[in-house]
Amino acid sequence: MFRHALRAAVSRPRVLCVPRAAVASNSSSNSSPARIQPFSTTVARMADMKDGAFKHDATAAPQSTRVLPLFSLKGKTAIVSGAGAGIGLQIAHAYAEAGANVAIWYNSNKKALDRAAEIEKEYGVKCKAYPVNVTSHQAIQESIQQIVSEFNGRLDIFVANSGIAWEEGPLIDGPMDVADRVMAVNVNGTVYCAQVAGEHFRRQKKEGTTLDGKKLEGFTTGSFIATASMSAHVVNIPQAQAVYNASKAAVVHLCKSLAVEWVDFARVNTVSPGYIKTEITAFVDEESKKQWRNKTPMGREGEPSELKGAYLYLASDAASYTTGSDLVVDGGYCLP
């Protein structure tokens, strides 16, 4: 049966799909019929590959081999989206504690302004909060440019942490405008942030200068980190959230792909948290949360502060040989 199917597939006529641009036509009334023009089969290839092989020694290890200095972010600039509260706010604390200047992005939670002032005072670094709509590519461009200009002319770390949940139950009964919104924030927002942050990382690596033309000290590569979810790996129960799960799976594979594309100038990784006590799960009833704990080997939800180490590692030189990785921090939920 397989051989018959294979012969049928091989003998079946093949159709060549030609882009419109490849079809030439003449505007005169006496023109001959449109002709299919030959077109290039060249595709955009990875910048760091030649003849199917990656360039050797494209990156270098940090000079220091002592472990604690590798975790220092002193003098670096970090942007964390979705940082008005919860996981994002704890990431901002972690980076500030490690010496980075931190810009906090928030959507509507104006308490972020106070949180930024508190971080600045507590750790003695620069910290400001900015309202940014991550579904707007233009807003992201303008905000990153403003932050880099207002801080120290550089961008070292970007954490795409903005995300929203799906609360509508099974997809078949769910409103599509909400599905569009989940994808717009969780997926498109991450794509936009990556594209703009990546432009800054690439320029800094190529030119070796800050935005205002000064020599860029201590920059090896940028670090782009996105918050995914264990829902990118498993189908959580009892809640029905196919759209959310799909959005987070997209984020994981986006970042794996960018890790290869950007190997010259940035490392790209994701963190996949499990059930964490944040505002995003406030709508979930206690019985469902009991089932979460029943299915988590560690028997509890995590605290946002328990993710600080994961994000600090990926942002720092301690992770200099880590790219394209997804760090699952879920209390063991994905194991059984």
C-alpha atoms as a PDB file:
ATOM      1  CA  MET A   1       0.000   0.000   0.000  1.00  0.00           C
ATOM      2  CA  PHE A   2       2.795   2.420   0.889  1.00  0.00           C
ATOM      3  CA  ARG A   3       4.606   1.747  -2.442  1.00  0.00           C
ATOM      4  CA  HIS A   4       1.389   2.377  -4.399  1.00  0.00           C
ATOM      5  CA  ALA A   5       0.833   5.651  -2.570  1.00  0.00           C
ATOM      6  CA  LEU A   6       4.446   6.680  -3.150  1.00  0.00           C
ATOM      7  CA  ARG A   7       4.231   5.965  -6.905  1.00  0.00           C
ATOM      8  CA  ALA A   8       1.008   7.953  -7.111  1.00  0.00           C
ATOM      9  CA  ALA A   9       2.577  10.891  -5.319  1.00  0.00           C
ATOM     10  CA  VAL A  10       5.650  10.877  -7.563  1.00  0.00           C
ATOM     11  CA  SER A  11       3.612  10.660 -10.778  1.00  0.00           C
ATOM     12  CA  ARG A  12       1.118  13.337  -9.707  1.00  0.00           C
ATOM     13  CA  PRO A  13       1.522  16.622 -11.648  1.00  0.00           C
ATOM     14  CA  ARG A  14       3.287  19.298  -9.649  1.00  0.00           C
ATOM     15  CA  VAL A  15       2.121  22.910  -9.606  1.00  0.00           C
ATOM     16  CA  LEU A  16       4.623  25.744  -9.326  1.00  0.00           C
ATOM     17  CA  CYS A  17       3.321  28.723  -7.369  1.00  0.00           C
ATOM     18  CA  VAL A  18       4.803  31.907  -8.787  1.00  0.00           C
ATOM     19  CA  PRO A  19       4.769  35.262  -6.999  1.00  0.00           C
ATOM     20  CA  ARG A  20       2.871  37.992  -8.786  1.00  0.00           C
ATOM     21  CA  ALA A  21       6.067  39.968  -9.188  1.00  0.00           C
ATOM     22  CA  ALA A  22       7.459  37.180 -11.344  1.00  0.00           C
ATOM     23  CA  VAL A  23       4.729  37.612 -13.954  1.00  0.00           C
ATOM     24  CA  ALA A  24       5.701  40.252 -16.531  1.00  0.00           C
ATOM     25  CA  SER A  25       3.146  42.077 -18.659  1.00  0.00           C
ATOM     26  CA  ASN A  26       3.193  44.851 -21.241  1.00  0.00           C
ATOM     27  CA  SER A  27       0.764  47.718 -20.875  1.00  0.00           C
ATOM     28  CA  SER A  28       0.308  48.297 -24.618  1.00  0.00           C
ATOM     29  CA  SER A  29      -2.786  47.009 -26.373  1.00  0.00           C
ATOM     30  CA  ASN A  30      -0.623  44.909 -28.710  1.00  0.00           C
ATOM     31  CA  SER A  31       1.206  43.214 -25.917  1.00  0.00           C
ATOM     32  CA  SER A  32       1.812  39.521 -26.005  1.00  0.00           C
ATOM     33  CA  PRO A  33       0.347  37.328 -23.272  1.00  0.00           C
ATOM     34  CA  ALA A  34       1.916  37.644 -19.854  1.00  0.00           C
ATOM     35  CA  ARG A  35       5.109  35.640 -19.539  1.00  0.00           C
ATOM     36  CA  ILE A  36       6.424  33.899 -16.469  1.00  0.00           C
ATOM     37  CA  GLN A  37       9.862  35.347 -15.790  1.00  0.00           C
ATOM     38  CA  PRO A  38      12.634  33.417 -14.110  1.00  0.00           C
ATOM     39  CA  PHE A  39      13.071  34.477 -10.505  1.00  0.00           C
ATOM     40  CA  SER A  40      15.731  33.986  -7.896  1.00  0.00           C
ATOM     41  CA  THR A  41      15.428  30.993  -5.596  1.00  0.00           C
ATOM     42  CA  THR A  42      17.818  32.611  -3.146  1.00  0.00           C
ATOM     43  CA  VAL A  43      16.416  32.940   0.353  1.00  0.00           C
ATOM     44  CA  ALA A  44      17.607  35.069   3.247  1.00  0.00           C
ATOM     45  CA  ARG A  45      20.088  32.905   5.080  1.00  0.00           C
ATOM     46  CA  MET A  46      21.538  32.954   8.549  1.00  0.00           C
ATOM     47  CA  ALA A  47      24.245  35.610   8.684  1.00  0.00           C
ATOM     48  CA  ASP A  48      26.585  33.351  10.624  1.00  0.00           C
ATOM     49  CA  MET A  49      26.451  30.372   8.266  1.00  0.00           C
ATOM     50  CA  LYS A  50      28.515  29.449   5.236  1.00  0.00           C
ATOM     51  CA  ASP A  51      28.099  26.262   3.230  1.00  0.00           C
ATOM     52  CA  GLY A  52      25.720  24.942   5.875  1.00  0.00           C
ATOM     53  CA  ALA A  53      28.123  25.444   8.771  1.00  0.00           C
ATOM     54  CA  PHE A  54      28.147  28.039  11.524  1.00  0.00           C
ATOM     55  CA  LYS A  55      31.121  30.363  11.777  1.00  0.00           C
ATOM     56  CA  HIS A  56      33.645  29.096  14.287  1.00  0.00           C
ATOM     57  CA  ASP A  57      34.456  31.148  17.391  1.00  0.00           C
ATOM     58  CA  ALA A  58      31.687  33.649  16.630  1.00  0.00           C
ATOM     59  CA  THR A  59      31.320  34.304  20.355  1.00  0.00           C
ATOM     60  CA  ALA A  60      33.698  34.334  23.298  1.00  0.00           C
ATOM     61  CA  ALA A  61      33.581  33.324  26.948  1.00  0.00           C
ATOM     62  CA  PRO A  62      33.689  35.987  29.687  1.00  0.00           C
ATOM     63  CA  GLN A  63      37.154  36.898  30.930  1.00  0.00           C
ATOM     64  CA  SER A  64      36.242  36.220  34.554  1.00  0.00           C
ATOM     65  CA  THR A  65      35.818  32.635  35.697  1.00  0.00           C
ATOM     66  CA  ARG A  66      34.741  33.518  39.244  1.00  0.00           C
ATOM     67  CA  VAL A  67      31.064  32.779  39.536  1.00  0.00           C
ATOM     68  CA  LEU A  68      29.641  35.644  41.587  1.00  0.00           C
ATOM     69  CA  PRO A  69      31.048  38.463  39.399  1.00  0.00           C
ATOM     70  CA  LEU A  70      29.403  36.802  36.397  1.00  0.00           C
ATOM     71  CA  PHE A  71      25.992  37.607  37.875  1.00  0.00           C
ATOM     72  CA  SER A  72      26.721  41.327  38.177  1.00  0.00           C
ATOM     73  CA  LEU A  73      24.713  43.668  35.942  1.00  0.00           C
ATOM     74  CA  LYS A  74      26.459  46.830  37.112  1.00  0.00           C
ATOM     75  CA  GLY A  75      26.243  49.633  34.561  1.00  0.00           C
ATOM     76  CA  LYS A  76      23.886  47.756  32.257  1.00  0.00           C
ATOM     77  CA  THR A  77      20.466  48.922  31.117  1.00  0.00           C
ATOM     78  CA  ALA A  78      17.458  46.612  31.298  1.00  0.00           C
ATOM     79  CA  ILE A  79      13.879  47.047  30.130  1.00  0.00           C
ATOM     80  CA  VAL A  80      11.156  44.834  31.609  1.00  0.00           C
ATOM     81  CA  SER A  81       7.658  44.917  30.130  1.00  0.00           C
ATOM     82  CA  GLY A  82       4.604  44.024  32.181  1.00  0.00           C
ATOM     83  CA  ALA A  83       6.491  45.079  35.297  1.00  0.00           C
ATOM     84  CA  GLY A  84       3.893  47.030  37.236  1.00  0.00           C
ATOM     85  CA  ALA A  85       3.367  44.049  39.548  1.00  0.00           C
ATOM     86  CA  GLY A  86       3.846  40.302  39.845  1.00  0.00           C
ATOM     87  CA  ILE A  87       6.623  38.507  37.993  1.00  0.00           C
ATOM     88  CA  GLY A  88       7.764  41.557  36.046  1.00  0.00           C
ATOM     89  CA  LEU A  89       8.179  43.661  39.172  1.00  0.00           C
ATOM     90  CA  GLN A  90      10.276  40.940  40.806  1.00  0.00           C
ATOM     91  CA  ILE A  91      12.470  40.758  37.695  1.00  0.00           C
ATOM     92  CA  ALA A  92      13.022  44.509  37.959  1.00  0.00           C
ATOM     93  CA  HIS A  93      14.021  44.105  41.611  1.00  0.00           C
ATOM     94  CA  ALA A  94      16.455  41.322  40.716  1.00  0.00           C
ATOM     95  CA  TYR A  95      18.180  43.347  38.024  1.00  0.00           C
ATOM     96  CA  ALA A  96      18.393  46.477  40.161  1.00  0.00           C
ATOM     97  CA  GLU A  97      19.811  44.469  43.050  1.00  0.00           C
ATOM     98  CA  ALA A  98      22.463  43.150  40.641  1.00  0.00           C
ATOM     99  CA  GLY A  99      23.386  46.728  39.685  1.00  0.00           C
ATOM    100  CA  ALA A 100      21.435  47.377  36.486  1.00  0.00           C
ATOM    101  CA  ASN A 101      19.524  50.519  35.639  1.00  0.00           C
ATOM    102  CA  VAL A 102      15.965  49.388  34.977  1.00  0.00           C
ATOM    103  CA  ALA A 103      13.085  50.743  32.934  1.00  0.00           C
ATOM    104  CA  ILE A 104       9.685  49.374  33.921  1.00  0.00           C
ATOM    105  CA  TRP A 105       6.909  49.153  31.336  1.00  0.00           C
ATOM    106  CA  TYR A 106       3.305  49.053  32.458  1.00  0.00           C
ATOM    107  CA  ASN A 107      -0.050  49.111  30.711  1.00  0.00           C
ATOM    108  CA  SER A 108      -2.587  50.606  33.125  1.00  0.00           C
ATOM    109  CA  ASN A 109      -1.212  49.952  36.619  1.00  0.00           C
ATOM    110  CA  LYS A 110       0.016  53.423  37.605  1.00  0.00           C
ATOM    111  CA  LYS A 111       1.357  52.006  40.860  1.00  0.00           C
ATOM    112  CA  ALA A 112       4.370  51.175  38.705  1.00  0.00           C
ATOM    113  CA  LEU A 113       5.455  54.803  39.089  1.00  0.00           C
ATOM    114  CA  ASP A 114       5.733  54.367  42.856  1.00  0.00           C
ATOM    115  CA  ARG A 115       7.351  50.950  42.500  1.00  0.00           C
ATOM    116  CA  ALA A 116      10.043  52.414  40.244  1.00  0.00           C
ATOM    117  CA  ALA A 117      10.801  55.162  42.756  1.00  0.00           C
ATOM    118  CA  GLU A 118      11.085  52.558  45.516  1.00  0.00           C
ATOM    119  CA  ILE A 119      13.503  50.444  43.466  1.00  0.00           C
ATOM    120  CA  GLU A 120      15.638  53.469  42.664  1.00  0.00           C
ATOM    121  CA  LYS A 121      15.862  54.426  46.335  1.00  0.00           C
ATOM    122  CA  GLU A 122      16.456  50.900  47.637  1.00  0.00           C
ATOM    123  CA  TYR A 123      19.225  49.864  45.252  1.00  0.00           C
ATOM    124  CA  GLY A 124      20.787  53.183  44.249  1.00  0.00           C
ATOM    125  CA  VAL A 125      20.256  52.672  40.524  1.00  0.00           C
ATOM    126  CA  LYS A 126      18.251  54.559  37.921  1.00  0.00           C
ATOM    127  CA  CYS A 127      14.696  53.232  37.612  1.00  0.00           C
ATOM    128  CA  LYS A 128      11.748  54.792  35.796  1.00  0.00           C
ATOM    129  CA  ALA A 129       8.308  53.573  34.757  1.00  0.00           C
ATOM    130  CA  TYR A 130       6.854  54.103  31.289  1.00  0.00           C
ATOM    131  CA  PRO A 131       3.326  53.404  29.995  1.00  0.00           C
ATOM    132  CA  VAL A 132       3.649  51.321  26.821  1.00  0.00           C
ATOM    133  CA  ASN A 133       1.096  49.496  24.682  1.00  0.00           C
ATOM    134  CA  VAL A 134       2.982  46.398  23.549  1.00  0.00           C
ATOM    135  CA  THR A 135       0.516  45.751  20.730  1.00  0.00           C
ATOM    136  CA  SER A 136       1.815  48.901  19.015  1.00  0.00           C
ATOM    137  CA  HIS A 137       5.117  48.536  17.188  1.00  0.00           C
ATOM    138  CA  GLN A 138       5.438  52.309  16.985  1.00  0.00           C
ATOM    139  CA  ALA A 139       4.906  52.748  20.732  1.00  0.00           C
ATOM    140  CA  ILE A 140       7.608  50.170  21.415  1.00  0.00           C
ATOM    141  CA  GLN A 141      10.051  51.851  19.044  1.00  0.00           C
ATOM    142  CA  GLU A 142       9.486  55.256  20.586  1.00  0.00           C
ATOM    143  CA  SER A 143       9.748  54.021  24.168  1.00  0.00           C
ATOM    144  CA  ILE A 144      12.949  52.027  23.680  1.00  0.00           C
ATOM    145  CA  GLN A 145      14.557  54.946  21.874  1.00  0.00           C
ATOM    146  CA  GLN A 146      13.522  57.288  24.704  1.00  0.00           C
ATOM    147  CA  ILE A 147      14.796  54.954  27.415  1.00  0.00           C
ATOM    148  CA  VAL A 148      18.157  54.338  25.754  1.00  0.00           C
ATOM    149  CA  SER A 149      18.567  58.096  25.337  1.00  0.00           C
ATOM    150  CA  GLU A 150      17.533  58.923  28.918  1.00  0.00           C
ATOM    151  CA  PHE A 151      19.561  56.207  30.595  1.00  0.00           C
ATOM    152  CA  ASN A 152      23.173  55.692  29.490  1.00  0.00           C
ATOM    153  CA  GLY A 153      22.847  55.360  25.726  1.00  0.00           C
ATOM    154  CA  ARG A 154      22.768  51.579  25.728  1.00  0.00           C
ATOM    155  CA  LEU A 155      20.456  48.572  25.946  1.00  0.00           C
ATOM    156  CA  ASP A 156      21.788  45.332  27.399  1.00  0.00           C
ATOM    157  CA  ILE A 157      18.737  43.355  28.504  1.00  0.00           C
ATOM    158  CA  PHE A 158      15.134  43.231  27.383  1.00  0.00           C
ATOM    159  CA  VAL A 159      12.511  41.073  29.083  1.00  0.00           C
ATOM    160  CA  ALA A 160       9.260  40.654  27.166  1.00  0.00           C
ATOM    161  CA  ASN A 161       7.047  39.816  30.116  1.00  0.00           C
ATOM    162  CA  SER A 162       3.697  41.332  29.119  1.00  0.00           C
ATOM    163  CA  GLY A 163       0.932  38.773  28.836  1.00  0.00           C
ATOM    164  CA  ILE A 164      -2.761  38.219  29.379  1.00  0.00           C
ATOM    165  CA  ALA A 165      -4.774  35.125  30.211  1.00  0.00           C
ATOM    166  CA  TRP A 166      -7.663  33.452  28.420  1.00  0.00           C
ATOM    167  CA  GLU A 167     -10.708  33.378  30.710  1.00  0.00           C
ATOM    168  CA  GLU A 168     -13.397  32.353  28.218  1.00  0.00           C
ATOM    169  CA  GLY A 169     -13.428  28.568  28.605  1.00  0.00           C
ATOM    170  CA  PRO A 170     -13.452  26.172  25.624  1.00  0.00           C
ATOM    171  CA  LEU A 171     -12.401  27.774  22.358  1.00  0.00           C
ATOM    172  CA  ILE A 172     -15.511  26.611  20.517  1.00  0.00           C
ATOM    173  CA  ASP A 173     -17.657  28.877  22.709  1.00  0.00           C
ATOM    174  CA  GLY A 174     -15.159  31.708  23.065  1.00  0.00           C
ATOM    175  CA  PRO A 175     -15.336  35.166  21.463  1.00  0.00           C
ATOM    176  CA  MET A 176     -12.804  35.627  18.688  1.00  0.00           C
ATOM    177  CA  ASP A 177     -12.084  39.233  19.603  1.00  0.00           C
ATOM    178  CA  VAL A 178     -10.691  37.972  22.915  1.00  0.00           C
ATOM    179  CA  ALA A 179      -8.626  35.350  21.093  1.00  0.00           C
ATOM    180  CA  ASP A 180      -7.245  38.091  18.864  1.00  0.00           C
ATOM    181  CA  ARG A 181      -6.385  40.158  21.925  1.00  0.00           C
ATOM    182  CA  VAL A 182      -4.518  37.278  23.607  1.00  0.00           C
ATOM    183  CA  MET A 183      -2.479  36.697  20.465  1.00  0.00           C
ATOM    184  CA  ALA A 184      -1.874  40.423  19.986  1.00  0.00           C
ATOM    185  CA  VAL A 185      -0.411  40.864  23.474  1.00  0.00           C
ATOM    186  CA  ASN A 186       1.301  37.520  24.011  1.00  0.00           C
ATOM    187  CA  VAL A 187       2.676  36.844  20.525  1.00  0.00           C
ATOM    188  CA  ASN A 188       2.692  40.037  18.471  1.00  0.00           C
ATOM    189  CA  GLY A 189       3.860  42.055  21.456  1.00  0.00           C
ATOM    190  CA  THR A 190       6.827  39.732  21.912  1.00  0.00           C
ATOM    191  CA  VAL A 191       7.658  39.870  18.205  1.00  0.00           C
ATOM    192  CA  TYR A 192       7.577  43.671  18.194  1.00  0.00           C
ATOM    193  CA  CYS A 193       9.718  43.943  21.319  1.00  0.00           C
ATOM    194  CA  ALA A 194      12.233  41.485  19.905  1.00  0.00           C
ATOM    195  CA  GLN A 195      12.499  43.287  16.581  1.00  0.00           C
ATOM    196  CA  VAL A 196      13.141  46.702  18.123  1.00  0.00           C
ATOM    197  CA  ALA A 197      15.432  45.513  20.926  1.00  0.00           C
ATOM    198  CA  GLY A 198      17.334  43.410  18.405  1.00  0.00           C
ATOM    199  CA  GLU A 199      18.033  46.479  16.286  1.00  0.00           C
ATOM    200  CA  HIS A 200      19.755  48.120  19.257  1.00  0.00           C
ATOM    201  CA  PHE A 201      21.725  44.982  20.139  1.00  0.00           C
ATOM    202  CA  ARG A 202      22.921  44.606  16.553  1.00  0.00           C
ATOM    203  CA  ARG A 203      23.966  48.254  16.231  1.00  0.00           C
ATOM    204  CA  GLN A 204      25.865  48.155  19.519  1.00  0.00           C
ATOM    205  CA  LYS A 205      27.742  45.002  18.533  1.00  0.00           C
ATOM    206  CA  LYS A 206      28.588  46.348  15.084  1.00  0.00           C
ATOM    207  CA  GLU A 207      29.557  49.902  16.041  1.00  0.00           C
ATOM    208  CA  GLY A 208      30.798  49.383  19.605  1.00  0.00           C
ATOM    209  CA  THR A 209      29.340  52.689  20.725  1.00  0.00           C
ATOM    210  CA  THR A 210      26.499  54.040  22.803  1.00  0.00           C
ATOM    211  CA  LEU A 211      23.637  55.861  21.134  1.00  0.00           C
ATOM    212  CA  ASP A 212      25.497  59.163  21.525  1.00  0.00           C
ATOM    213  CA  GLY A 213      28.724  57.833  20.017  1.00  0.00           C
ATOM    214  CA  LYS A 214      30.729  57.051  23.153  1.00  0.00           C
ATOM    215  CA  LYS A 215      32.756  53.857  23.476  1.00  0.00           C
ATOM    216  CA  LEU A 216      30.536  51.023  24.689  1.00  0.00           C
ATOM    217  CA  GLU A 217      32.118  49.402  27.729  1.00  0.00           C
ATOM    218  CA  GLY A 218      31.421  45.839  28.835  1.00  0.00           C
ATOM    219  CA  PHE A 219      29.042  44.859  26.041  1.00  0.00           C
ATOM    220  CA  THR A 220      29.544  41.374  24.619  1.00  0.00           C
ATOM    221  CA  THR A 221      26.028  40.506  23.475  1.00  0.00           C
ATOM    222  CA  GLY A 222      22.532  41.622  24.291  1.00  0.00           C
ATOM    223  CA  SER A 223      20.144  39.382  26.202  1.00  0.00           C
ATOM    224  CA  PHE A 224      16.521  39.028  25.117  1.00  0.00           C
ATOM    225  CA  ILE A 225      14.308  37.024  27.460  1.00  0.00           C
ATOM    226  CA  ALA A 226      10.619  36.295  26.999  1.00  0.00           C
ATOM    227  CA  THR A 227       8.204  34.989  29.580  1.00  0.00           C
ATOM    228  CA  ALA A 228       6.558  31.892  28.174  1.00  0.00           C
ATOM    229  CA  SER A 229       4.736  29.339  30.344  1.00  0.00           C
ATOM    230  CA  MET A 230       4.650  25.681  31.219  1.00  0.00           C
ATOM    231  CA  SER A 231       1.446  25.882  29.153  1.00  0.00           C
ATOM    232  CA  ALA A 232       3.726  25.956  26.111  1.00  0.00           C
ATOM    233  CA  HIS A 233       4.648  22.356  26.958  1.00  0.00           C
ATOM    234  CA  VAL A 234       1.550  20.756  28.482  1.00  0.00           C
ATOM    235  CA  VAL A 235      -2.221  21.089  28.333  1.00  0.00           C
ATOM    236  CA  ASN A 236      -3.160  22.388  31.771  1.00  0.00           C
ATOM    237  CA  ILE A 237      -6.248  21.052  33.487  1.00  0.00           C
ATOM    238  CA  PRO A 238      -8.940  21.695  34.566  1.00  0.00           C
ATOM    239  CA  GLN A 239      -9.075  25.093  32.813  1.00  0.00           C
ATOM    240  CA  ALA A 240      -9.683  25.241  29.058  1.00  0.00           C
ATOM    241  CA  GLN A 241      -7.222  27.729  27.548  1.00  0.00           C
ATOM    242  CA  ALA A 242      -6.170  26.537  24.102  1.00  0.00           C
ATOM    243  CA  VAL A 243      -5.512  30.058  22.827  1.00  0.00           C
ATOM    244  CA  TYR A 244      -3.254  30.944  25.754  1.00  0.00           C
ATOM    245  CA  ASN A 245      -1.371  27.650  25.440  1.00  0.00           C
ATOM    246  CA  ALA A 246      -0.819  28.229  21.728  1.00  0.00           C
ATOM    247  CA  SER A 247       0.372  31.786  22.318  1.00  0.00           C
ATOM    248  CA  LYS A 248       3.030  30.662  24.764  1.00  0.00           C
ATOM    249  CA  ALA A 249       4.189  27.803  22.531  1.00  0.00           C
ATOM    250  CA  ALA A 250       4.654  30.399  19.797  1.00  0.00           C
ATOM    251  CA  VAL A 251       6.792  32.528  22.115  1.00  0.00           C
ATOM    252  CA  VAL A 252       9.081  29.595  22.930  1.00  0.00           C
ATOM    253  CA  HIS A 253       9.707  28.700  19.306  1.00  0.00           C
ATOM    254  CA  LEU A 254      10.061  32.325  18.256  1.00  0.00           C
ATOM    255  CA  CYS A 255      12.884  32.719  20.746  1.00  0.00           C
ATOM    256  CA  LYS A 256      14.572  29.469  19.737  1.00  0.00           C
ATOM    257  CA  SER A 257      14.557  30.694  16.150  1.00  0.00           C
ATOM    258  CA  LEU A 258      15.893  34.133  17.082  1.00  0.00           C
ATOM    259  CA  ALA A 259      18.667  32.511  19.112  1.00  0.00           C
ATOM    260  CA  VAL A 260      20.070  31.168  15.846  1.00  0.00           C
ATOM    261  CA  GLU A 261      19.389  34.308  13.809  1.00  0.00           C
ATOM    262  CA  TRP A 262      20.958  36.621  16.388  1.00  0.00           C
ATOM    263  CA  VAL A 263      23.952  34.582  17.499  1.00  0.00           C
ATOM    264  CA  ASP A 264      26.308  37.382  16.380  1.00  0.00           C
ATOM    265  CA  PHE A 265      24.919  39.982  18.745  1.00  0.00           C
ATOM    266  CA  ALA A 266      22.428  38.586  21.283  1.00  0.00           C
ATOM    267  CA  ARG A 267      21.421  35.587  23.319  1.00  0.00           C
ATOM    268  CA  VAL A 268      17.712  34.738  23.284  1.00  0.00           C
ATOM    269  CA  ASN A 269      15.993  32.575  25.902  1.00  0.00           C
ATOM    270  CA  THR A 270      12.649  32.013  27.586  1.00  0.00           C
ATOM    271  CA  VAL A 271      11.432  31.288  31.092  1.00  0.00           C
ATOM    272  CA  SER A 272       8.363  29.084  31.468  1.00  0.00           C
ATOM    273  CA  PRO A 273       6.811  29.598  34.903  1.00  0.00           C
ATOM    274  CA  GLY A 274       4.328  27.226  36.431  1.00  0.00           C
ATOM    275  CA  TYR A 275       1.470  28.331  38.660  1.00  0.00           C
ATOM    276  CA  ILE A 276       2.606  31.549  40.317  1.00  0.00           C
ATOM    277  CA  LYS A 277       0.649  33.699  42.784  1.00  0.00           C
ATOM    278  CA  THR A 278      -0.015  36.790  40.661  1.00  0.00           C
ATOM    279  CA  GLU A 279      -2.927  38.990  39.630  1.00  0.00           C
ATOM    280  CA  ILE A 280      -3.239  37.147  36.318  1.00  0.00           C
ATOM    281  CA  THR A 281      -4.731  34.141  38.145  1.00  0.00           C
ATOM    282  CA  ALA A 282      -7.042  36.148  40.416  1.00  0.00           C
ATOM    283  CA  PHE A 283     -10.104  35.048  38.425  1.00  0.00           C
ATOM    284  CA  VAL A 284      -9.471  31.344  39.120  1.00  0.00           C
ATOM    285  CA  ASP A 285     -11.695  29.709  41.748  1.00  0.00           C
ATOM    286  CA  GLU A 286     -10.199  28.023  44.800  1.00  0.00           C
ATOM    287  CA  GLU A 287     -11.312  24.528  43.744  1.00  0.00           C
ATOM    288  CA  SER A 288      -9.345  24.835  40.506  1.00  0.00           C
ATOM    289  CA  LYS A 289      -6.303  26.057  42.410  1.00  0.00           C
ATOM    290  CA  LYS A 290      -6.620  23.041  44.684  1.00  0.00           C
ATOM    291  CA  GLN A 291      -6.376  20.839  41.581  1.00  0.00           C
ATOM    292  CA  TRP A 292      -3.276  22.775  40.527  1.00  0.00           C
ATOM    293  CA  ARG A 293      -1.626  21.948  43.832  1.00  0.00           C
ATOM    294  CA  ASN A 294      -2.746  18.331  43.578  1.00  0.00           C
ATOM    295  CA  LYS A 295      -0.945  17.994  40.240  1.00  0.00           C
ATOM    296  CA  THR A 296       2.216  19.872  41.232  1.00  0.00           C
ATOM    297  CA  PRO A 297       4.835  17.629  42.909  1.00  0.00           C
ATOM    298  CA  MET A 298       5.928  20.481  45.193  1.00  0.00           C
ATOM    299  CA  GLY A 299       2.290  20.860  46.268  1.00  0.00           C
ATOM    300  CA  ARG A 300       1.981  24.643  46.044  1.00  0.00           C
ATOM    301  CA  GLU A 301       1.967  27.690  43.805  1.00  0.00           C
ATOM    302  CA  GLY A 302       5.209  29.567  43.418  1.00  0.00           C
ATOM    303  CA  GLU A 303       5.932  33.064  44.652  1.00  0.00           C
ATOM    304  CA  PRO A 304       6.939  35.658  42.018  1.00  0.00           C
ATOM    305  CA  SER A 305      10.211  36.205  43.886  1.00  0.00           C
ATOM    306  CA  GLU A 306      11.157  32.570  43.245  1.00  0.00           C
ATOM    307  CA  LEU A 307      11.669  33.429  39.572  1.00  0.00           C
ATOM    308  CA  LYS A 308      14.262  36.147  40.200  1.00  0.00           C
ATOM    309  CA  GLY A 309      17.201  33.762  39.978  1.00  0.00           C
ATOM    310  CA  ALA A 310      16.133  32.335  36.627  1.00  0.00           C
ATOM    311  CA  TYR A 311      15.805  35.738  34.993  1.00  0.00           C
ATOM    312  CA  LEU A 312      19.033  37.025  36.533  1.00  0.00           C
ATOM    313  CA  TYR A 313      20.961  34.007  35.279  1.00  0.00           C
ATOM    314  CA  LEU A 314      19.738  34.417  31.701  1.00  0.00           C
ATOM    315  CA  ALA A 315      20.439  38.163  31.708  1.00  0.00           C
ATOM    316  CA  SER A 316      23.962  37.859  33.074  1.00  0.00           C
ATOM    317  CA  ASP A 317      27.352  36.699  31.830  1.00  0.00           C
ATOM    318  CA  ALA A 318      26.806  33.544  33.872  1.00  0.00           C
ATOM    319  CA  ALA A 319      24.640  32.441  30.923  1.00  0.00           C
ATOM    320  CA  SER A 320      27.225  33.357  28.275  1.00  0.00           C
ATOM    321  CA  TYR A 321      26.925  29.901  26.642  1.00  0.00           C
ATOM    322  CA  THR A 322      23.154  29.683  27.024  1.00  0.00           C
ATOM    323  CA  THR A 323      20.937  30.607  24.097  1.00  0.00           C
ATOM    324  CA  GLY A 324      17.756  29.135  22.674  1.00  0.00           C
ATOM    325  CA  SER A 325      16.953  27.600  26.054  1.00  0.00           C
ATOM    326  CA  ASP A 326      13.621  27.471  27.829  1.00  0.00           C
ATOM    327  CA  LEU A 327      13.976  27.390  31.598  1.00  0.00           C
ATOM    328  CA  VAL A 328      10.928  25.718  33.145  1.00  0.00           C
ATOM    329  CA  VAL A 329      10.261  26.800  36.747  1.00  0.00           C
ATOM    330  CA  ASP A 330       7.058  25.000  37.680  1.00  0.00           C
ATOM    331  CA  GLY A 331       7.489  23.090  40.932  1.00  0.00           C
ATOM    332  CA  GLY A 332       7.677  19.893  38.890  1.00  0.00           C
ATOM    333  CA  TYR A 333       4.244  20.212  37.240  1.00  0.00           C
ATOM    334  CA  CYS A 334       5.476  19.086  33.816  1.00  0.00           C
ATOM    335  CA  LEU A 335       7.244  15.999  35.177  1.00  0.00           C
ATOM    336  CA  PRO A 336       4.547  13.352  35.895  1.00  0.00           C
END
